[in-house]
């Protein structure tokens, strides 16, 4: 089961990533490198918020533990 806050933060990160890639496109980069820098900061902020939430989210911790248990040990 997914936490609603995890889902929200993942969507926010995806949105910020899309905005950053758009800002880095040739057309936008010629207009303003500040826009690309701002979008990079916002994308990193979204990534940080998601990482911080996942470090305390019961659903995310349980999913990570399940994933680790499914990975074969060499």
PDB file of N, CA and C in Angstrom:
ATOM      1  N   UNK A   1       0.845  -1.183   0.000  1.00  0.00           N
ATOM      2  CA  UNK A   1       0.000   0.000   0.000  1.00  0.00           C
ATOM      3  C   UNK A   1       0.883   1.235   0.000  1.00  0.00           C
ATOM      4  N   UNK A   2       0.512   2.215  -0.798  1.00  0.00           N
ATOM      5  CA  UNK A   2       1.295   3.432  -0.931  1.00  0.00           C
ATOM      6  C   UNK A   2       0.709   4.526  -0.051  1.00  0.00           C
ATOM      7  N   UNK A   3       1.571   5.277   0.538  1.00  0.00           N
ATOM      8  CA  UNK A   3       1.189   6.434   1.345  1.00  0.00           C
ATOM      9  C   UNK A   3       0.781   7.557   0.393  1.00  0.00           C
ATOM     10  N   UNK A   4      -0.274   8.276   0.716  1.00  0.00           N
ATOM     11  CA  UNK A   4      -0.734   9.352  -0.163  1.00  0.00           C
ATOM     12  C   UNK A   4       0.285  10.486  -0.240  1.00  0.00           C
ATOM     13  N   UNK A   5       1.012  10.730   0.840  1.00  0.00           N
ATOM     14  CA  UNK A   5       2.027  11.786   0.803  1.00  0.00           C
ATOM     15  C   UNK A   5       3.189  11.371  -0.094  1.00  0.00           C
ATOM     16  N   UNK A   6       3.572  10.079  -0.051  1.00  0.00           N
ATOM     17  CA  UNK A   6       4.624   9.580  -0.950  1.00  0.00           C
ATOM     18  C   UNK A   6       4.203   9.804  -2.404  1.00  0.00           C
ATOM     19  N   UNK A   7       2.970   9.441  -2.713  1.00  0.00           N
ATOM     20  CA  UNK A   7       2.471   9.607  -4.081  1.00  0.00           C
ATOM     21  C   UNK A   7       2.486  11.070  -4.499  1.00  0.00           C
ATOM     22  N   UNK A   8       2.044  11.945  -3.611  1.00  0.00           N
ATOM     23  CA  UNK A   8       2.043  13.376  -3.905  1.00  0.00           C
ATOM     24  C   UNK A   8       3.461  13.885  -4.148  1.00  0.00           C
ATOM     25  N   UNK A   9       4.393  13.500  -3.283  1.00  0.00           N
ATOM     26  CA  UNK A   9       5.774  13.970  -3.428  1.00  0.00           C
ATOM     27  C   UNK A   9       6.436  13.398  -4.678  1.00  0.00           C
ATOM     28  N   UNK A  10       6.116  12.170  -5.046  1.00  0.00           N
ATOM     29  CA  UNK A  10       6.648  11.593  -6.280  1.00  0.00           C
ATOM     30  C   UNK A  10       6.127  12.340  -7.499  1.00  0.00           C
ATOM     31  N   UNK A  11       4.844  12.692  -7.492  1.00  0.00           N
ATOM     32  CA  UNK A  11       4.282  13.468  -8.603  1.00  0.00           C
ATOM     33  C   UNK A  11       4.909  14.859  -8.659  1.00  0.00           C
ATOM     34  N   UNK A  12       5.139  15.465  -7.495  1.00  0.00           N
ATOM     35  CA  UNK A  12       5.770  16.787  -7.453  1.00  0.00           C
ATOM     36  C   UNK A  12       7.183  16.720  -8.023  1.00  0.00           C
ATOM     37  N   UNK A  13       7.922  15.682  -7.665  1.00  0.00           N
ATOM     38  CA  UNK A  13       9.276  15.524  -8.188  1.00  0.00           C
ATOM     39  C   UNK A  13       9.243  15.328  -9.703  1.00  0.00           C
ATOM     40  N   UNK A  14       8.343  14.508 -10.191  1.00  0.00           N
ATOM     41  CA  UNK A  14       8.232  14.285 -11.633  1.00  0.00           C
ATOM     42  C   UNK A  14       7.892  15.584 -12.362  1.00  0.00           C
ATOM     43  N   UNK A  15       7.002  16.356 -11.783  1.00  0.00           N
ATOM     44  CA  UNK A  15       6.620  17.635 -12.374  1.00  0.00           C
ATOM     45  C   UNK A  15       7.797  18.604 -12.403  1.00  0.00           C
ATOM     46  N   UNK A  16       8.527  18.691 -11.303  1.00  0.00           N
ATOM     47  CA  UNK A  16       9.694  19.578 -11.243  1.00  0.00           C
ATOM     48  C   UNK A  16      10.775  19.135 -12.227  1.00  0.00           C
ATOM     49  N   UNK A  17      10.926  17.820 -12.373  1.00  0.00           N
ATOM     50  CA  UNK A  17      11.919  17.305 -13.317  1.00  0.00           C
ATOM     51  C   UNK A  17      11.547  17.708 -14.744  1.00  0.00           C
ATOM     52  N   UNK A  18      10.273  17.594 -15.074  1.00  0.00           N
ATOM     53  CA  UNK A  18       9.798  17.994 -16.397  1.00  0.00           C
ATOM     54  C   UNK A  18      10.025  19.484 -16.623  1.00  0.00           C
ATOM     55  N   UNK A  19       9.726  20.303 -15.613  1.00  0.00           N
ATOM     56  CA  UNK A  19       9.939  21.744 -15.725  1.00  0.00           C
ATOM     57  C   UNK A  19      11.426  22.069 -15.921  1.00  0.00           C
ATOM     58  N   UNK A  20      12.277  21.347 -15.212  1.00  0.00           N
ATOM     59  CA  UNK A  20      13.715  21.571 -15.336  1.00  0.00           C
ATOM     60  C   UNK A  20      14.198  21.199 -16.734  1.00  0.00           C
ATOM     61  N   UNK A  21      13.749  20.061 -17.243  1.00  0.00           N
ATOM     62  CA  UNK A  21      14.171  19.653 -18.586  1.00  0.00           C
ATOM     63  C   UNK A  21      13.693  20.653 -19.629  1.00  0.00           C
ATOM     64  N   UNK A  22      12.497  21.186 -19.454  1.00  0.00           N
ATOM     65  CA  UNK A  22      11.984  22.204 -20.374  1.00  0.00           C
ATOM     66  C   UNK A  22      12.845  23.465 -20.300  1.00  0.00           C
ATOM     67  N   UNK A  23      13.198  23.856 -19.081  1.00  0.00           N
ATOM     68  CA  UNK A  23      14.012  25.065 -18.903  1.00  0.00           C
ATOM     69  C   UNK A  23      15.402  24.895 -19.494  1.00  0.00           C
ATOM     70  N   UNK A  24      15.876  23.672 -19.555  1.00  0.00           N
ATOM     71  CA  UNK A  24      17.206  23.414 -20.116  1.00  0.00           C
ATOM     72  C   UNK A  24      17.187  23.271 -21.631  1.00  0.00           C
ATOM     73  N   UNK A  25      16.004  23.237 -22.206  1.00  0.00           N
ATOM     74  CA  UNK A  25      15.927  23.113 -23.660  1.00  0.00           C
ATOM     75  C   UNK A  25      16.571  24.342 -24.300  1.00  0.00           C
ATOM     76  N   UNK A  26      17.006  24.201 -25.504  1.00  0.00           N
ATOM     77  CA  UNK A  26      17.747  25.259 -26.203  1.00  0.00           C
ATOM     78  C   UNK A  26      16.992  26.581 -26.231  1.00  0.00           C
ATOM     79  N   UNK A  27      15.713  26.533 -26.502  1.00  0.00           N
ATOM     80  CA  UNK A  27      14.918  27.764 -26.600  1.00  0.00           C
ATOM     81  C   UNK A  27      14.890  28.518 -25.281  1.00  0.00           C
ATOM     82  N   UNK A  28      14.587  27.821 -24.188  1.00  0.00           N
ATOM     83  CA  UNK A  28      14.497  28.481 -22.890  1.00  0.00           C
ATOM     84  C   UNK A  28      15.866  28.906 -22.382  1.00  0.00           C
ATOM     85  N   UNK A  29      16.883  28.114 -22.670  1.00  0.00           N
ATOM     86  CA  UNK A  29      18.216  28.437 -22.153  1.00  0.00           C
ATOM     87  C   UNK A  29      18.706  29.755 -22.732  1.00  0.00           C
ATOM     88  N   UNK A  30      18.361  30.028 -23.988  1.00  0.00           N
ATOM     89  CA  UNK A  30      18.754  31.302 -24.584  1.00  0.00           C
ATOM     90  C   UNK A  30      18.056  32.468 -23.903  1.00  0.00           C
ATOM     91  N   UNK A  31      16.838  32.252 -23.450  1.00  0.00           N
ATOM     92  CA  UNK A  31      16.068  33.325 -22.820  1.00  0.00           C
ATOM     93  C   UNK A  31      16.569  33.599 -21.407  1.00  0.00           C
ATOM     94  N   UNK A  32      16.743  32.542 -20.606  1.00  0.00           N
ATOM     95  CA  UNK A  32      17.119  32.771 -19.219  1.00  0.00           C
ATOM     96  C   UNK A  32      17.757  31.543 -18.578  1.00  0.00           C
ATOM     97  N   UNK A  33      19.015  31.670 -18.253  1.00  0.00           N
ATOM     98  CA  UNK A  33      19.668  30.587 -17.519  1.00  0.00           C
ATOM     99  C   UNK A  33      19.209  30.600 -16.064  1.00  0.00           C
ATOM    100  N   UNK A  34      18.710  31.754 -15.601  1.00  0.00           N
ATOM    101  CA  UNK A  34      18.184  31.842 -14.240  1.00  0.00           C
ATOM    102  C   UNK A  34      16.963  30.945 -14.060  1.00  0.00           C
ATOM    103  N   UNK A  35      16.159  30.851 -15.089  1.00  0.00           N
ATOM    104  CA  UNK A  35      14.978  29.987 -15.021  1.00  0.00           C
ATOM    105  C   UNK A  35      15.410  28.530 -14.850  1.00  0.00           C
ATOM    106  N   UNK A  36      16.409  28.104 -15.591  1.00  0.00           N
ATOM    107  CA  UNK A  36      16.908  26.732 -15.470  1.00  0.00           C
ATOM    108  C   UNK A  36      17.487  26.504 -14.079  1.00  0.00           C
ATOM    109  N   UNK A  37      18.213  27.472 -13.563  1.00  0.00           N
ATOM    110  CA  UNK A  37      18.796  27.339 -12.227  1.00  0.00           C
ATOM    111  C   UNK A  37      17.701  27.255 -11.171  1.00  0.00           C
ATOM    112  N   UNK A  38      16.687  28.085 -11.294  1.00  0.00           N
ATOM    113  CA  UNK A  38      15.569  28.059 -10.346  1.00  0.00           C
ATOM    114  C   UNK A  38      14.870  26.698 -10.387  1.00  0.00           C
ATOM    115  N   UNK A  39      14.617  26.193 -11.600  1.00  0.00           N
ATOM    116  CA  UNK A  39      13.944  24.902 -11.725  1.00  0.00           C
ATOM    117  C   UNK A  39      14.807  23.765 -11.189  1.00  0.00           C
ATOM    118  N   UNK A  40      16.124  23.875 -11.335  1.00  0.00           N
ATOM    119  CA  UNK A  40      17.015  22.866 -10.771  1.00  0.00           C
ATOM    120  C   UNK A  40      16.914  22.860  -9.245  1.00  0.00           C
ATOM    121  N   UNK A  41      16.897  24.037  -8.645  1.00  0.00           N
ATOM    122  CA  UNK A  41      16.767  24.140  -7.190  1.00  0.00           C
ATOM    123  C   UNK A  41      15.433  23.558  -6.737  1.00  0.00           C
ATOM    124  N   UNK A  42      14.367  23.871  -7.442  1.00  0.00           N
ATOM    125  CA  UNK A  42      13.045  23.359  -7.084  1.00  0.00           C
ATOM    126  C   UNK A  42      12.981  21.838  -7.236  1.00  0.00           C
ATOM    127  N   UNK A  43      13.617  21.304  -8.287  1.00  0.00           N
ATOM    128  CA  UNK A  43      13.635  19.856  -8.479  1.00  0.00           C
ATOM    129  C   UNK A  43      14.406  19.183  -7.341  1.00  0.00           C
ATOM    130  N   UNK A  44      15.534  19.741  -6.964  1.00  0.00           N
ATOM    131  CA  UNK A  44      16.320  19.172  -5.869  1.00  0.00           C
ATOM    132  C   UNK A  44      15.577  19.286  -4.536  1.00  0.00           C
ATOM    133  N   UNK A  45      14.830  20.367  -4.357  1.00  0.00           N
ATOM    134  CA  UNK A  45      14.028  20.524  -3.147  1.00  0.00           C
ATOM    135  C   UNK A  45      12.950  19.434  -3.094  1.00  0.00           C
ATOM    136  N   UNK A  46      12.301  19.180  -4.212  1.00  0.00           N
ATOM    137  CA  UNK A  46      11.271  18.133  -4.264  1.00  0.00           C
ATOM    138  C   UNK A  46      11.890  16.766  -3.987  1.00  0.00           C
ATOM    139  N   UNK A  47      13.077  16.511  -4.548  1.00  0.00           N
ATOM    140  CA  UNK A  47      13.765  15.240  -4.314  1.00  0.00           C
ATOM    141  C   UNK A  47      14.111  15.082  -2.836  1.00  0.00           C
ATOM    142  N   UNK A  48      14.572  16.162  -2.215  1.00  0.00           N
ATOM    143  CA  UNK A  48      14.936  16.142  -0.800  1.00  0.00           C
ATOM    144  C   UNK A  48      13.717  15.893   0.085  1.00  0.00           C
ATOM    145  N   UNK A  49      12.603  16.560  -0.230  1.00  0.00           N
ATOM    146  CA  UNK A  49      11.378  16.360   0.549  1.00  0.00           C
ATOM    147  C   UNK A  49      10.909  14.918   0.460  1.00  0.00           C
ATOM    148  N   UNK A  50      10.985  14.322  -0.740  1.00  0.00           N
ATOM    149  CA  UNK A  50      10.582  12.933  -0.902  1.00  0.00           C
ATOM    150  C   UNK A  50      11.513  12.021  -0.114  1.00  0.00           C
ATOM    151  N   UNK A  51      12.804  12.265  -0.188  1.00  0.00           N
ATOM    152  CA  UNK A  51      13.774  11.440   0.536  1.00  0.00           C
ATOM    153  C   UNK A  51      13.547  11.538   2.050  1.00  0.00           C
ATOM    154  N   UNK A  52      13.323  12.746   2.544  1.00  0.00           N
ATOM    155  CA  UNK A  52      13.077  12.934   3.979  1.00  0.00           C
ATOM    156  C   UNK A  52      11.803  12.210   4.412  1.00  0.00           C
ATOM    157  N   UNK A  53      10.761  12.317   3.618  1.00  0.00           N
ATOM    158  CA  UNK A  53       9.500  11.652   3.966  1.00  0.00           C
ATOM    159  C   UNK A  53       9.672  10.135   3.954  1.00  0.00           C
ATOM    160  N   UNK A  54      10.363   9.629   2.934  1.00  0.00           N
ATOM    161  CA  UNK A  54      10.565   8.178   2.843  1.00  0.00           C
ATOM    162  C   UNK A  54      11.376   7.631   4.010  1.00  0.00           C
ATOM    163  N   UNK A  55      12.216   8.470   4.609  1.00  0.00           N
ATOM    164  CA  UNK A  55      13.032   7.993   5.730  1.00  0.00           C
ATOM    165  C   UNK A  55      12.190   7.742   6.987  1.00  0.00           C
ATOM    166  N   UNK A  56      10.990   8.311   7.046  1.00  0.00           N
ATOM    167  CA  UNK A  56      10.133   8.139   8.210  1.00  0.00           C
ATOM    168  C   UNK A  56       8.790   7.491   7.896  1.00  0.00           C
ATOM    169  N   UNK A  57       8.471   7.331   6.626  1.00  0.00           N
ATOM    170  CA  UNK A  57       7.170   6.800   6.211  1.00  0.00           C
ATOM    171  C   UNK A  57       7.122   5.291   6.418  1.00  0.00           C
ATOM    172  N   UNK A  58       6.140   4.835   7.153  1.00  0.00           N
ATOM    173  CA  UNK A  58       5.988   3.414   7.444  1.00  0.00           C
ATOM    174  C   UNK A  58       5.781   2.627   6.150  1.00  0.00           C
ATOM    175  N   UNK A  59       4.966   3.129   5.237  1.00  0.00           N
ATOM    176  CA  UNK A  59       4.699   2.426   3.977  1.00  0.00           C
ATOM    177  C   UNK A  59       5.975   2.298   3.151  1.00  0.00           C
ATOM    178  N   UNK A  60       6.742   3.379   3.059  1.00  0.00           N
ATOM    179  CA  UNK A  60       7.978   3.353   2.271  1.00  0.00           C
ATOM    180  C   UNK A  60       9.007   2.431   2.902  1.00  0.00           C
ATOM    181  N   UNK A  61       9.111   2.455   4.223  1.00  0.00           N
ATOM    182  CA  UNK A  61      10.066   1.581   4.904  1.00  0.00           C
ATOM    183  C   UNK A  61       9.691   0.113   4.718  1.00  0.00           C
ATOM    184  N   UNK A  62       8.405  -0.189   4.792  1.00  0.00           N
ATOM    185  CA  UNK A  62       7.949  -1.563   4.595  1.00  0.00           C
ATOM    186  C   UNK A  62       8.212  -2.021   3.163  1.00  0.00           C
ATOM    187  N   UNK A  63       7.976  -1.159   2.189  1.00  0.00           N
ATOM    188  CA  UNK A  63       8.225  -1.508   0.789  1.00  0.00           C
ATOM    189  C   UNK A  63       9.712  -1.743   0.544  1.00  0.00           C
ATOM    190  N   UNK A  64      10.556  -0.917   1.136  1.00  0.00           N
ATOM    191  CA  UNK A  64      12.007  -1.084   0.987  1.00  0.00           C
ATOM    192  C   UNK A  64      12.463  -2.395   1.614  1.00  0.00           C
ATOM    193  N   UNK A  65      11.917  -2.732   2.769  1.00  0.00           N
ATOM    194  CA  UNK A  65      12.278  -3.985   3.440  1.00  0.00           C
ATOM    195  C   UNK A  65      11.828  -5.181   2.604  1.00  0.00           C
ATOM    196  N   UNK A  66      10.628  -5.101   2.036  1.00  0.00           N
ATOM    197  CA  UNK A  66      10.122  -6.179   1.186  1.00  0.00           C
ATOM    198  C   UNK A  66      11.001  -6.336  -0.049  1.00  0.00           C
ATOM    199  N   UNK A  67      11.368  -5.217  -0.662  1.00  0.00           N
ATOM    200  CA  UNK A  67      12.226  -5.275  -1.844  1.00  0.00           C
ATOM    201  C   UNK A  67      13.578  -5.908  -1.521  1.00  0.00           C
ATOM    202  N   UNK A  68      14.160  -5.530  -0.380  1.00  0.00           N
ATOM    203  CA  UNK A  68      15.437  -6.117   0.015  1.00  0.00           C
ATOM    204  C   UNK A  68      15.314  -7.624   0.246  1.00  0.00           C
ATOM    205  N   UNK A  69      14.174  -8.056   0.764  1.00  0.00           N
ATOM    206  CA  UNK A  69      13.999  -9.486   1.050  1.00  0.00           C
ATOM    207  C   UNK A  69      13.819 -10.289  -0.238  1.00  0.00           C
ATOM    208  N   UNK A  70      13.403  -9.630  -1.325  1.00  0.00           N
ATOM    209  CA  UNK A  70      13.185 -10.320  -2.595  1.00  0.00           C
ATOM    210  C   UNK A  70      14.449 -10.394  -3.446  1.00  0.00           C
ATOM    211  N   UNK A  71      15.470  -9.601  -3.100  1.00  0.00           N
ATOM    212  CA  UNK A  71      16.714  -9.584  -3.867  1.00  0.00           C
ATOM    213  C   UNK A  71      17.559 -10.779  -3.443  1.00  0.00           C
ATOM    214  N   UNK A  72      17.944 -11.643  -4.404  1.00  0.00           N
ATOM    215  CA  UNK A  72      18.745 -12.805  -4.036  1.00  0.00           C
ATOM    216  C   UNK A  72      20.142 -12.410  -3.549  1.00  0.00           C
ATOM    217  N   UNK A  73      20.609 -13.091  -2.529  1.00  0.00           N
ATOM    218  CA  UNK A  73      21.933 -12.831  -1.973  1.00  0.00           C
ATOM    219  C   UNK A  73      22.945 -13.690  -2.738  1.00  0.00           C
ATOM    220  N   UNK A  74      24.030 -13.081  -3.248  1.00  0.00           N
ATOM    221  CA  UNK A  74      25.009 -13.854  -4.031  1.00  0.00           C
ATOM    222  C   UNK A  74      25.756 -14.860  -3.190  1.00  0.00           C
TER     223      UNK A  74
END
